[in-house]
Amino acid sequence: MDQKNLMTFAIRLATLAEKEILSFYNDCIINYKEDNSEVTEADKRAEQLITENIMREFPSHSILGEEFGSTNDSNNQYQWIIDPLDGTTWFSLGIPIFGTLIALLKDGVPFLGVIHFPITHETVYASRGMGCWLKDKNDVSNRIQVSSNIELSNSFISASGVHNSDITKNKNYPFNLSEIINKANKFRFCGDCMQHALLCKGKLDVAIDTIMQPWDTAAIIPCIEEAGGIVTTLEGKREGIIHGGSLLSSCNETLHNEVLSIINPKKNA
């Protein structure tokens, strides 16, 4: 399959979903799933629209979406993974840093990723061997890459939250986030896929997610790596990363390993 055509299709899916999502912006009813995460009609309708278009264009491909699960599991070669509205909490608050994530996997490996932001009409996208790109609201695309910083003391680091960290004061916490906050030059909490897109653009040096699902992760991986960055779980694993349960993206390997050594005390026990 032609990568350029697949990418064009994936970006089109995200822009189609944008119309559904924005029709509910600042006017949505919030419901809660079993895991206590928010869901709105925008999440559901956007995923339905994306799924319908994939099934029409590629009826043999399988699909995994956050809201409706698996479709057409018989095909193990090509699988689309969708998060129609990554950052539903921000969406429900009317804060415009949510996005749509679309990934395509071949034989279980993500080789195409789209991170689209409906409010700003910007898209970060990447395909294996083709670099990472930013398409602006005027449909102009420019290649982007991570920063060149290698010093933790000079770094700008973000995290999507404090869950699963020492800050929650849970004795069984796995990740040491407070020390990272203290050692970074600058630290901010930044929403979900937005922080990884900013890293691709060279605006952040490290982005931390302590809890992730496959639909949160799959689209981000090719974008980070094609922008020249490093991405693993918070245990430092690259293999099986989609199902690894956490995500750490960094602008280079040296900084990445230093953050890993601090944030994961069990790894160094």
C-alpha atoms as a PDB file:
ATOM      1  CA  MET A   1       0.000   0.000   0.000  1.00  0.00           C
ATOM      2  CA  ASP A   2       1.214   3.489  -0.848  1.00  0.00           C
ATOM      3  CA  GLN A   3       2.218   5.319   2.346  1.00  0.00           C
ATOM      4  CA  LYS A   4       1.427   8.772   1.002  1.00  0.00           C
ATOM      5  CA  ASN A   5      -2.101   7.756   0.037  1.00  0.00           C
ATOM      6  CA  LEU A   6      -2.639   6.102   3.419  1.00  0.00           C
ATOM      7  CA  MET A   7      -1.449   9.257   5.173  1.00  0.00           C
ATOM      8  CA  THR A   8      -3.731  11.459   3.083  1.00  0.00           C
ATOM      9  CA  PHE A   9      -6.625   9.185   3.994  1.00  0.00           C
ATOM     10  CA  ALA A  10      -5.752   9.198   7.718  1.00  0.00           C
ATOM     11  CA  ILE A  11      -5.569  13.005   7.813  1.00  0.00           C
ATOM     12  CA  ARG A  12      -8.895  13.196   6.009  1.00  0.00           C
ATOM     13  CA  LEU A  13     -10.436  10.940   8.658  1.00  0.00           C
ATOM     14  CA  ALA A  14      -9.252  13.300  11.392  1.00  0.00           C
ATOM     15  CA  THR A  15     -10.619  16.384   9.658  1.00  0.00           C
ATOM     16  CA  LEU A  16     -13.969  14.660   9.085  1.00  0.00           C
ATOM     17  CA  ALA A  17     -14.126  13.850  12.807  1.00  0.00           C
ATOM     18  CA  GLU A  18     -13.326  17.482  13.617  1.00  0.00           C
ATOM     19  CA  LYS A  19     -16.744  18.621  12.387  1.00  0.00           C
ATOM     20  CA  GLU A  20     -18.540  16.150  14.644  1.00  0.00           C
ATOM     21  CA  ILE A  21     -16.400  17.058  17.642  1.00  0.00           C
ATOM     22  CA  LEU A  22     -16.770  20.825  17.270  1.00  0.00           C
ATOM     23  CA  SER A  23     -20.540  20.548  16.968  1.00  0.00           C
ATOM     24  CA  PHE A  24     -20.548  19.528  20.655  1.00  0.00           C
ATOM     25  CA  TYR A  25     -17.794  21.840  21.906  1.00  0.00           C
ATOM     26  CA  ASN A  26     -18.988  23.895  24.905  1.00  0.00           C
ATOM     27  CA  ASP A  27     -22.339  22.135  24.625  1.00  0.00           C
ATOM     28  CA  CYS A  28     -21.905  18.513  25.687  1.00  0.00           C
ATOM     29  CA  ILE A  29     -23.385  16.151  28.254  1.00  0.00           C
ATOM     30  CA  ILE A  30     -20.738  14.279  30.204  1.00  0.00           C
ATOM     31  CA  ASN A  31     -21.188  10.629  31.095  1.00  0.00           C
ATOM     32  CA  TYR A  32     -18.787   8.322  32.886  1.00  0.00           C
ATOM     33  CA  LYS A  33     -17.462   4.928  31.882  1.00  0.00           C
ATOM     34  CA  GLU A  34     -16.717   2.051  34.256  1.00  0.00           C
ATOM     35  CA  ASP A  35     -13.152   3.338  34.793  1.00  0.00           C
ATOM     36  CA  ASN A  36     -14.629   6.746  35.799  1.00  0.00           C
ATOM     37  CA  SER A  37     -13.255   8.475  32.694  1.00  0.00           C
ATOM     38  CA  GLU A  38     -15.448  10.946  30.853  1.00  0.00           C
ATOM     39  CA  VAL A  39     -17.228  10.195  27.604  1.00  0.00           C
ATOM     40  CA  THR A  40     -19.444  12.449  25.504  1.00  0.00           C
ATOM     41  CA  GLU A  41     -21.555  12.121  22.392  1.00  0.00           C
ATOM     42  CA  ALA A  42     -18.690  13.785  20.515  1.00  0.00           C
ATOM     43  CA  ASP A  43     -16.385  10.834  21.340  1.00  0.00           C
ATOM     44  CA  LYS A  44     -18.931   8.304  20.101  1.00  0.00           C
ATOM     45  CA  ARG A  45     -20.029  10.061  16.938  1.00  0.00           C
ATOM     46  CA  ALA A  46     -16.467  10.875  15.882  1.00  0.00           C
ATOM     47  CA  GLU A  47     -15.381   7.260  16.315  1.00  0.00           C
ATOM     48  CA  GLN A  48     -18.425   5.994  14.415  1.00  0.00           C
ATOM     49  CA  LEU A  49     -17.646   8.334  11.525  1.00  0.00           C
ATOM     50  CA  ILE A  50     -13.985   7.307  11.397  1.00  0.00           C
ATOM     51  CA  THR A  51     -14.831   3.609  11.594  1.00  0.00           C
ATOM     52  CA  GLU A  52     -17.458   3.816   8.865  1.00  0.00           C
ATOM     53  CA  ASN A  53     -15.019   5.516   6.489  1.00  0.00           C
ATOM     54  CA  ILE A  54     -12.255   2.978   7.157  1.00  0.00           C
ATOM     55  CA  MET A  55     -14.627   0.059   6.604  1.00  0.00           C
ATOM     56  CA  ARG A  56     -15.820   1.614   3.351  1.00  0.00           C
ATOM     57  CA  GLU A  57     -12.285   2.240   2.048  1.00  0.00           C
ATOM     58  CA  PHE A  58     -10.502  -0.790   3.535  1.00  0.00           C
ATOM     59  CA  PRO A  59     -13.115  -3.436   4.360  1.00  0.00           C
ATOM     60  CA  SER A  60     -10.503  -6.082   5.165  1.00  0.00           C
ATOM     61  CA  HIS A  61      -8.666  -3.987   7.768  1.00  0.00           C
ATOM     62  CA  SER A  62      -9.290  -4.422  11.475  1.00  0.00           C
ATOM     63  CA  ILE A  63     -10.077  -1.491  13.768  1.00  0.00           C
ATOM     64  CA  LEU A  64      -9.612  -0.858  17.486  1.00  0.00           C
ATOM     65  CA  GLY A  65     -11.334   2.196  18.932  1.00  0.00           C
ATOM     66  CA  GLU A  66     -11.556   3.530  22.460  1.00  0.00           C
ATOM     67  CA  GLU A  67     -15.331   3.758  22.559  1.00  0.00           C
ATOM     68  CA  PHE A  68     -16.547   0.731  20.591  1.00  0.00           C
ATOM     69  CA  GLY A  69     -13.668  -1.739  20.827  1.00  0.00           C
ATOM     70  CA  SER A  70     -12.649  -4.087  18.003  1.00  0.00           C
ATOM     71  CA  THR A  71     -14.061  -4.422  14.504  1.00  0.00           C
ATOM     72  CA  ASN A  72     -13.106  -7.107  11.971  1.00  0.00           C
ATOM     73  CA  ASP A  73     -10.492  -8.893  14.099  1.00  0.00           C
ATOM     74  CA  SER A  74      -9.813 -11.420  11.329  1.00  0.00           C
ATOM     75  CA  ASN A  75      -7.124  -9.246   9.716  1.00  0.00           C
ATOM     76  CA  ASN A  76      -3.899  -9.280  11.706  1.00  0.00           C
ATOM     77  CA  GLN A  77      -1.774  -7.505   9.101  1.00  0.00           C
ATOM     78  CA  TYR A  78      -3.387  -4.066   9.047  1.00  0.00           C
ATOM     79  CA  GLN A  79      -5.067  -2.548  12.084  1.00  0.00           C
ATOM     80  CA  TRP A  80      -6.298   0.994  12.636  1.00  0.00           C
ATOM     81  CA  ILE A  81      -6.239   2.252  16.225  1.00  0.00           C
ATOM     82  CA  ILE A  82      -8.433   5.251  17.017  1.00  0.00           C
ATOM     83  CA  ASP A  83      -8.888   7.657  19.882  1.00  0.00           C
ATOM     84  CA  PRO A  84     -11.557   9.979  18.502  1.00  0.00           C
ATOM     85  CA  LEU A  85     -11.171  12.519  21.295  1.00  0.00           C
ATOM     86  CA  ASP A  86      -7.978  12.276  23.301  1.00  0.00           C
ATOM     87  CA  GLY A  87      -8.384  14.599  26.262  1.00  0.00           C
ATOM     88  CA  THR A  88     -12.132  14.358  26.833  1.00  0.00           C
ATOM     89  CA  THR A  89     -11.643  15.981  30.246  1.00  0.00           C
ATOM     90  CA  TRP A  90     -10.199  19.102  28.591  1.00  0.00           C
ATOM     91  CA  PHE A  91     -12.940  19.016  25.955  1.00  0.00           C
ATOM     92  CA  SER A  92     -15.643  18.841  28.629  1.00  0.00           C
ATOM     93  CA  LEU A  93     -14.102  21.851  30.391  1.00  0.00           C
ATOM     94  CA  GLY A  94     -13.961  23.878  27.186  1.00  0.00           C
ATOM     95  CA  ILE A  95     -10.153  23.925  27.147  1.00  0.00           C
ATOM     96  CA  PRO A  96      -8.913  23.570  23.542  1.00  0.00           C
ATOM     97  CA  ILE A  97      -5.967  21.171  23.945  1.00  0.00           C
ATOM     98  CA  PHE A  98      -7.722  17.916  23.034  1.00  0.00           C
ATOM     99  CA  GLY A  99      -6.992  15.981  19.855  1.00  0.00           C
ATOM    100  CA  THR A 100      -7.898  13.095  17.592  1.00  0.00           C
ATOM    101  CA  LEU A 101      -5.457  10.195  17.316  1.00  0.00           C
ATOM    102  CA  ILE A 102      -5.375   7.854  14.333  1.00  0.00           C
ATOM    103  CA  ALA A 103      -2.749   5.154  13.812  1.00  0.00           C
ATOM    104  CA  LEU A 104      -2.222   2.354  11.318  1.00  0.00           C
ATOM    105  CA  LEU A 105      -0.324  -0.754  12.350  1.00  0.00           C
ATOM    106  CA  LYS A 106       1.226  -3.338  10.056  1.00  0.00           C
ATOM    107  CA  ASP A 107       1.846  -6.716  11.654  1.00  0.00           C
ATOM    108  CA  GLY A 108       1.350  -5.135  15.070  1.00  0.00           C
ATOM    109  CA  VAL A 109       3.852  -2.292  14.535  1.00  0.00           C
ATOM    110  CA  PRO A 110       2.653   1.341  14.225  1.00  0.00           C
ATOM    111  CA  PHE A 111       4.036   2.865  11.047  1.00  0.00           C
ATOM    112  CA  LEU A 112       1.637   5.775  10.549  1.00  0.00           C
ATOM    113  CA  GLY A 113       0.337   8.273  13.090  1.00  0.00           C
ATOM    114  CA  VAL A 114      -1.871  11.371  13.035  1.00  0.00           C
ATOM    115  CA  ILE A 115      -2.361  13.803  15.928  1.00  0.00           C
ATOM    116  CA  HIS A 116      -5.000  16.341  14.949  1.00  0.00           C
ATOM    117  CA  PHE A 117      -6.175  19.353  16.976  1.00  0.00           C
ATOM    118  CA  PRO A 118      -9.720  20.413  16.032  1.00  0.00           C
ATOM    119  CA  ILE A 119      -9.635  23.902  17.570  1.00  0.00           C
ATOM    120  CA  THR A 120      -6.363  25.076  15.996  1.00  0.00           C
ATOM    121  CA  HIS A 121      -6.852  22.972  12.819  1.00  0.00           C
ATOM    122  CA  GLU A 122      -3.251  21.760  13.151  1.00  0.00           C
ATOM    123  CA  THR A 123      -2.051  18.236  12.454  1.00  0.00           C
ATOM    124  CA  VAL A 124       1.166  16.512  13.467  1.00  0.00           C
ATOM    125  CA  TYR A 125       1.678  13.430  11.326  1.00  0.00           C
ATOM    126  CA  ALA A 126       4.341  10.878  10.455  1.00  0.00           C
ATOM    127  CA  SER A 127       4.937   7.684   8.522  1.00  0.00           C
ATOM    128  CA  ARG A 128       7.939   5.372   8.806  1.00  0.00           C
ATOM    129  CA  GLY A 129      10.925   6.718   6.869  1.00  0.00           C
ATOM    130  CA  MET A 130       9.097   9.875   5.784  1.00  0.00           C
ATOM    131  CA  GLY A 131       9.750  12.207   8.713  1.00  0.00           C
ATOM    132  CA  CYS A 132       7.364  14.041  11.030  1.00  0.00           C
ATOM    133  CA  TRP A 133       5.362  16.983   9.732  1.00  0.00           C
ATOM    134  CA  LEU A 134       3.157  19.789  10.985  1.00  0.00           C
ATOM    135  CA  LYS A 135       0.249  20.888   8.799  1.00  0.00           C
ATOM    136  CA  ASP A 136      -1.113  24.288   9.792  1.00  0.00           C
ATOM    137  CA  LYS A 137      -4.609  25.754   9.441  1.00  0.00           C
ATOM    138  CA  ASN A 138      -3.714  26.924   5.925  1.00  0.00           C
ATOM    139  CA  ASP A 139      -2.853  23.352   4.860  1.00  0.00           C
ATOM    140  CA  VAL A 140       0.847  24.196   4.656  1.00  0.00           C
ATOM    141  CA  SER A 141       3.101  21.387   5.888  1.00  0.00           C
ATOM    142  CA  ASN A 142       6.601  21.772   7.295  1.00  0.00           C
ATOM    143  CA  ARG A 143       8.905  19.089   8.617  1.00  0.00           C
ATOM    144  CA  ILE A 144       9.480  19.263  12.363  1.00  0.00           C
ATOM    145  CA  GLN A 145      11.970  17.735  14.767  1.00  0.00           C
ATOM    146  CA  VAL A 146      12.690  17.465  18.472  1.00  0.00           C
ATOM    147  CA  SER A 147      14.957  19.839  20.383  1.00  0.00           C
ATOM    148  CA  SER A 148      18.696  19.279  20.773  1.00  0.00           C
ATOM    149  CA  ASN A 149      18.770  19.703  24.560  1.00  0.00           C
ATOM    150  CA  ILE A 150      20.575  16.950  26.499  1.00  0.00           C
ATOM    151  CA  GLU A 151      20.725  18.400  30.016  1.00  0.00           C
ATOM    152  CA  LEU A 152      18.046  17.556  32.576  1.00  0.00           C
ATOM    153  CA  SER A 153      18.828  20.756  34.481  1.00  0.00           C
ATOM    154  CA  ASN A 154      18.008  22.795  31.352  1.00  0.00           C
ATOM    155  CA  SER A 155      15.008  20.761  30.283  1.00  0.00           C
ATOM    156  CA  PHE A 156      11.347  21.646  29.877  1.00  0.00           C
ATOM    157  CA  ILE A 157       9.319  18.624  31.017  1.00  0.00           C
ATOM    158  CA  SER A 158       5.597  17.942  31.097  1.00  0.00           C
ATOM    159  CA  ALA A 159       3.251  15.264  32.402  1.00  0.00           C
ATOM    160  CA  SER A 160      -0.425  14.609  31.799  1.00  0.00           C
ATOM    161  CA  GLY A 161      -1.173  14.096  35.500  1.00  0.00           C
ATOM    162  CA  VAL A 162       0.001  12.750  38.862  1.00  0.00           C
ATOM    163  CA  HIS A 163      -1.795   9.406  38.791  1.00  0.00           C
ATOM    164  CA  ASN A 164       0.396   6.366  39.489  1.00  0.00           C
ATOM    165  CA  SER A 165       3.074   8.582  41.047  1.00  0.00           C
ATOM    166  CA  ASP A 166       4.503   9.433  44.466  1.00  0.00           C
ATOM    167  CA  ILE A 167       2.514  12.682  44.439  1.00  0.00           C
ATOM    168  CA  THR A 168      -0.703  10.724  45.007  1.00  0.00           C
ATOM    169  CA  LYS A 169       0.770   9.455  48.344  1.00  0.00           C
ATOM    170  CA  ASN A 170      -0.056   5.889  47.441  1.00  0.00           C
ATOM    171  CA  LYS A 171       2.473   3.576  49.070  1.00  0.00           C
ATOM    172  CA  ASN A 172       2.335   1.306  46.038  1.00  0.00           C
ATOM    173  CA  TYR A 173       3.019   4.039  43.507  1.00  0.00           C
ATOM    174  CA  PRO A 174       5.310   2.901  40.697  1.00  0.00           C
ATOM    175  CA  PHE A 175       6.690   6.221  39.436  1.00  0.00           C
ATOM    176  CA  ASN A 176       8.730   8.956  41.094  1.00  0.00           C
ATOM    177  CA  LEU A 177       7.390  12.118  39.501  1.00  0.00           C
ATOM    178  CA  SER A 178       8.204  14.626  42.244  1.00  0.00           C
ATOM    179  CA  GLU A 179      11.972  14.323  41.786  1.00  0.00           C
ATOM    180  CA  ILE A 180      11.618  14.893  38.043  1.00  0.00           C
ATOM    181  CA  ILE A 181       9.618  18.047  38.761  1.00  0.00           C
ATOM    182  CA  ASN A 182      12.344  19.316  41.086  1.00  0.00           C
ATOM    183  CA  LYS A 183      15.238  18.547  38.732  1.00  0.00           C
ATOM    184  CA  ALA A 184      13.750  19.987  35.555  1.00  0.00           C
ATOM    185  CA  ASN A 185      14.455  23.589  34.640  1.00  0.00           C
ATOM    186  CA  LYS A 186      10.754  24.052  33.920  1.00  0.00           C
ATOM    187  CA  PHE A 187       7.795  21.723  34.481  1.00  0.00           C
ATOM    188  CA  ARG A 188       4.159  21.999  33.466  1.00  0.00           C
ATOM    189  CA  PHE A 189       1.157  19.701  33.385  1.00  0.00           C
ATOM    190  CA  CYS A 190       0.032  19.421  29.784  1.00  0.00           C
ATOM    191  CA  GLY A 191      -2.924  17.576  28.335  1.00  0.00           C
ATOM    192  CA  ASP A 192      -2.552  14.140  26.839  1.00  0.00           C
ATOM    193  CA  CYS A 193      -1.492  14.087  23.154  1.00  0.00           C
ATOM    194  CA  MET A 194      -0.748  17.822  23.170  1.00  0.00           C
ATOM    195  CA  GLN A 195       2.466  17.343  25.154  1.00  0.00           C
ATOM    196  CA  HIS A 196       3.825  14.768  22.705  1.00  0.00           C
ATOM    197  CA  ALA A 197       2.976  16.996  19.750  1.00  0.00           C
ATOM    198  CA  LEU A 198       4.864  19.844  21.441  1.00  0.00           C
ATOM    199  CA  LEU A 199       7.847  17.544  21.884  1.00  0.00           C
ATOM    200  CA  CYS A 200       7.768  16.719  18.159  1.00  0.00           C
ATOM    201  CA  LYS A 201       7.839  20.466  17.473  1.00  0.00           C
ATOM    202  CA  GLY A 202      10.889  20.974  19.712  1.00  0.00           C
ATOM    203  CA  LYS A 203       8.940  22.954  22.320  1.00  0.00           C
ATOM    204  CA  LEU A 204       9.243  20.366  25.126  1.00  0.00           C
ATOM    205  CA  ASP A 205      12.162  18.074  25.933  1.00  0.00           C
ATOM    206  CA  VAL A 206      10.364  15.274  27.812  1.00  0.00           C
ATOM    207  CA  ALA A 207       6.691  14.223  28.027  1.00  0.00           C
ATOM    208  CA  ILE A 208       5.406  11.767  30.654  1.00  0.00           C
ATOM    209  CA  ASP A 209       2.230   9.672  30.731  1.00  0.00           C
ATOM    210  CA  THR A 210       1.937   7.304  33.689  1.00  0.00           C
ATOM    211  CA  ILE A 211      -1.214   5.538  32.426  1.00  0.00           C
ATOM    212  CA  MET A 212      -1.821   4.796  28.740  1.00  0.00           C
ATOM    213  CA  GLN A 213      -4.022   2.565  26.603  1.00  0.00           C
ATOM    214  CA  PRO A 214      -3.242   1.381  23.037  1.00  0.00           C
ATOM    215  CA  TRP A 215      -5.460   4.092  21.499  1.00  0.00           C
ATOM    216  CA  ASP A 216      -3.586   6.747  23.508  1.00  0.00           C
ATOM    217  CA  THR A 217      -0.189   5.482  22.385  1.00  0.00           C
ATOM    218  CA  ALA A 218      -0.236   4.100  18.844  1.00  0.00           C
ATOM    219  CA  ALA A 219      -0.417   7.350  16.843  1.00  0.00           C
ATOM    220  CA  ILE A 220       2.155   9.107  19.005  1.00  0.00           C
ATOM    221  CA  ILE A 221       4.957   6.573  18.523  1.00  0.00           C
ATOM    222  CA  PRO A 222       5.748   7.128  14.814  1.00  0.00           C
ATOM    223  CA  CYS A 223       5.434  10.895  15.259  1.00  0.00           C
ATOM    224  CA  ILE A 224       8.004  11.019  18.071  1.00  0.00           C
ATOM    225  CA  GLU A 225      10.449   8.658  16.401  1.00  0.00           C
ATOM    226  CA  GLU A 226      10.216  10.275  12.957  1.00  0.00           C
ATOM    227  CA  ALA A 227      10.818  13.652  14.627  1.00  0.00           C
ATOM    228  CA  GLY A 228      14.086  12.225  15.977  1.00  0.00           C
ATOM    229  CA  GLY A 229      12.943  11.478  19.517  1.00  0.00           C
ATOM    230  CA  ILE A 230      12.960   8.439  21.781  1.00  0.00           C
ATOM    231  CA  VAL A 231       9.869   6.705  23.123  1.00  0.00           C
ATOM    232  CA  THR A 232       9.503   3.805  25.584  1.00  0.00           C
ATOM    233  CA  THR A 233       7.323   2.790  28.480  1.00  0.00           C
ATOM    234  CA  LEU A 234       8.271   4.196  31.886  1.00  0.00           C
ATOM    235  CA  GLU A 235       9.960   0.855  32.500  1.00  0.00           C
ATOM    236  CA  GLY A 236      12.238   1.622  29.536  1.00  0.00           C
ATOM    237  CA  LYS A 237      10.710  -0.949  27.168  1.00  0.00           C
ATOM    238  CA  ARG A 238      10.244  -0.300  23.455  1.00  0.00           C
ATOM    239  CA  GLU A 239       9.011  -3.771  22.493  1.00  0.00           C
ATOM    240  CA  GLY A 240       5.272  -4.137  22.970  1.00  0.00           C
ATOM    241  CA  ILE A 241       5.045  -0.446  23.805  1.00  0.00           C
ATOM    242  CA  ILE A 242       1.461  -0.066  22.578  1.00  0.00           C
ATOM    243  CA  HIS A 243       0.285  -2.335  25.379  1.00  0.00           C
ATOM    244  CA  GLY A 244       2.922  -1.168  27.881  1.00  0.00           C
ATOM    245  CA  GLY A 245       0.554   0.922  30.011  1.00  0.00           C
ATOM    246  CA  SER A 246       2.692   4.080  30.156  1.00  0.00           C
ATOM    247  CA  LEU A 247       4.717   6.333  27.865  1.00  0.00           C
ATOM    248  CA  LEU A 248       7.860   8.432  28.068  1.00  0.00           C
ATOM    249  CA  SER A 249       8.955  10.493  25.084  1.00  0.00           C
ATOM    250  CA  SER A 250      12.190  12.483  25.021  1.00  0.00           C
ATOM    251  CA  CYS A 251      14.243  14.531  22.609  1.00  0.00           C
ATOM    252  CA  ASN A 252      17.302  12.254  22.881  1.00  0.00           C
ATOM    253  CA  GLU A 253      18.538   9.009  24.383  1.00  0.00           C
ATOM    254  CA  THR A 254      20.822  10.551  27.020  1.00  0.00           C
ATOM    255  CA  LEU A 255      18.069  12.639  28.578  1.00  0.00           C
ATOM    256  CA  HIS A 256      15.593   9.798  28.192  1.00  0.00           C
ATOM    257  CA  ASN A 257      17.767   7.385  30.154  1.00  0.00           C
ATOM    258  CA  GLU A 258      18.412   9.928  32.898  1.00  0.00           C
ATOM    259  CA  VAL A 259      14.689  10.516  33.348  1.00  0.00           C
ATOM    260  CA  LEU A 260      14.067   6.762  33.396  1.00  0.00           C
ATOM    261  CA  SER A 261      16.665   6.275  36.128  1.00  0.00           C
ATOM    262  CA  ILE A 262      14.859   8.792  38.341  1.00  0.00           C
ATOM    263  CA  ILE A 263      11.210   8.173  37.582  1.00  0.00           C
ATOM    264  CA  ASN A 264      11.301   4.411  37.943  1.00  0.00           C
ATOM    265  CA  PRO A 265      12.811   3.556  41.345  1.00  0.00           C
ATOM    266  CA  LYS A 266      11.914  -0.132  41.011  1.00  0.00           C
ATOM    267  CA  LYS A 267      14.047  -0.354  37.866  1.00  0.00           C
ATOM    268  CA  ASN A 268      17.097   0.704  39.882  1.00  0.00           C
ATOM    269  CA  ALA A 269      16.335  -1.071  43.167  1.00  0.00           C
END
